[in-house]
Amino acid sequence: MGRQAATALYVLAMVAVVVGVDVVFFRHQFWPRLMANVGIVLVFGAFYLRYLKHP
């Protein structure tokens, strides 16, 4: 149960960062917004694979 809660919090943090960046910086711009969102998801994914994934 603890691992599922940690994963849920991690995903919630990623969503909060994506929405925050969208609202603050890229409100009406589609392509820069898409590129920033993909970059944020890639950074979160890399961090997960490097530090949080257990073998």
C-alpha atoms as a PDB file:
ATOM      1  CA  MET A   1       0.000   0.000   0.000  1.00  0.00           C
ATOM      2  CA  GLY A   2       2.850   2.402   0.725  1.00  0.00           C
ATOM      3  CA  ARG A   3       4.397   1.944  -2.715  1.00  0.00           C
ATOM      4  CA  GLN A   4       1.091   2.666  -4.437  1.00  0.00           C
ATOM      5  CA  ALA A   5       0.612   5.810  -2.369  1.00  0.00           C
ATOM      6  CA  ALA A   6       4.115   7.016  -3.226  1.00  0.00           C
ATOM      7  CA  THR A   7       3.508   6.400  -6.928  1.00  0.00           C
ATOM      8  CA  ALA A   8       0.196   8.246  -6.751  1.00  0.00           C
ATOM      9  CA  LEU A   9       1.865  11.221  -5.064  1.00  0.00           C
ATOM     10  CA  TYR A  10       4.625  11.192  -7.680  1.00  0.00           C
ATOM     11  CA  VAL A  11       2.105  11.256 -10.531  1.00  0.00           C
ATOM     12  CA  LEU A  12       0.106  13.973  -8.764  1.00  0.00           C
ATOM     13  CA  ALA A  13       3.274  16.075  -8.416  1.00  0.00           C
ATOM     14  CA  MET A  14       4.011  15.636 -12.124  1.00  0.00           C
ATOM     15  CA  VAL A  15       0.482  16.705 -13.059  1.00  0.00           C
ATOM     16  CA  ALA A  16       0.727  19.739 -10.767  1.00  0.00           C
ATOM     17  CA  VAL A  17       4.017  20.813 -12.373  1.00  0.00           C
ATOM     18  CA  VAL A  18       2.643  20.376 -15.909  1.00  0.00           C
ATOM     19  CA  VAL A  19      -0.523  22.344 -15.156  1.00  0.00           C
ATOM     20  CA  GLY A  20       1.404  25.035 -13.295  1.00  0.00           C
ATOM     21  CA  VAL A  21       3.848  25.569 -16.150  1.00  0.00           C
ATOM     22  CA  ASP A  22       0.977  25.617 -18.647  1.00  0.00           C
ATOM     23  CA  VAL A  23      -0.960  28.253 -16.735  1.00  0.00           C
ATOM     24  CA  VAL A  24       1.980  30.464 -15.854  1.00  0.00           C
ATOM     25  CA  PHE A  25       3.999  30.419 -19.074  1.00  0.00           C
ATOM     26  CA  PHE A  26       2.110  28.962 -22.046  1.00  0.00           C
ATOM     27  CA  ARG A  27      -1.532  29.883 -21.724  1.00  0.00           C
ATOM     28  CA  HIS A  28      -2.373  30.398 -25.436  1.00  0.00           C
ATOM     29  CA  GLN A  29       0.574  28.828 -27.249  1.00  0.00           C
ATOM     30  CA  PHE A  30       0.109  25.262 -28.465  1.00  0.00           C
ATOM     31  CA  TRP A  31       3.516  24.056 -29.704  1.00  0.00           C
ATOM     32  CA  PRO A  32       5.725  25.536 -26.954  1.00  0.00           C
ATOM     33  CA  ARG A  33       3.230  24.206 -24.421  1.00  0.00           C
ATOM     34  CA  LEU A  34       3.352  20.716 -25.950  1.00  0.00           C
ATOM     35  CA  MET A  35       7.152  20.693 -26.049  1.00  0.00           C
ATOM     36  CA  ALA A  36       7.394  21.862 -22.433  1.00  0.00           C
ATOM     37  CA  ASN A  37       4.906  19.208 -21.300  1.00  0.00           C
ATOM     38  CA  VAL A  38       6.788  16.441 -23.107  1.00  0.00           C
ATOM     39  CA  GLY A  39      10.049  17.683 -21.589  1.00  0.00           C
ATOM     40  CA  ILE A  40       8.600  17.724 -18.080  1.00  0.00           C
ATOM     41  CA  VAL A  41       7.231  14.196 -18.458  1.00  0.00           C
ATOM     42  CA  LEU A  42      10.603  12.984 -19.779  1.00  0.00           C
ATOM     43  CA  VAL A  43      12.431  14.544 -16.816  1.00  0.00           C
ATOM     44  CA  PHE A  44      10.001  12.979 -14.351  1.00  0.00           C
ATOM     45  CA  GLY A  45      10.332   9.632 -16.135  1.00  0.00           C
ATOM     46  CA  ALA A  46      14.120   9.766 -16.096  1.00  0.00           C
ATOM     47  CA  PHE A  47      14.124  10.673 -12.395  1.00  0.00           C
ATOM     48  CA  TYR A  48      11.773   7.779 -11.658  1.00  0.00           C
ATOM     49  CA  LEU A  49      13.870   5.275 -13.577  1.00  0.00           C
ATOM     50  CA  ARG A  50      17.113   6.509 -12.044  1.00  0.00           C
ATOM     51  CA  TYR A  51      16.177   6.945  -8.391  1.00  0.00           C
ATOM     52  CA  LEU A  52      12.783   5.477  -7.537  1.00  0.00           C
ATOM     53  CA  LYS A  53      12.465   2.231  -9.475  1.00  0.00           C
ATOM     54  CA  HIS A  54      13.414  -0.765  -7.387  1.00  0.00           C
ATOM     55  CA  PRO A  55      14.776  -3.893  -9.129  1.00  0.00           C
END
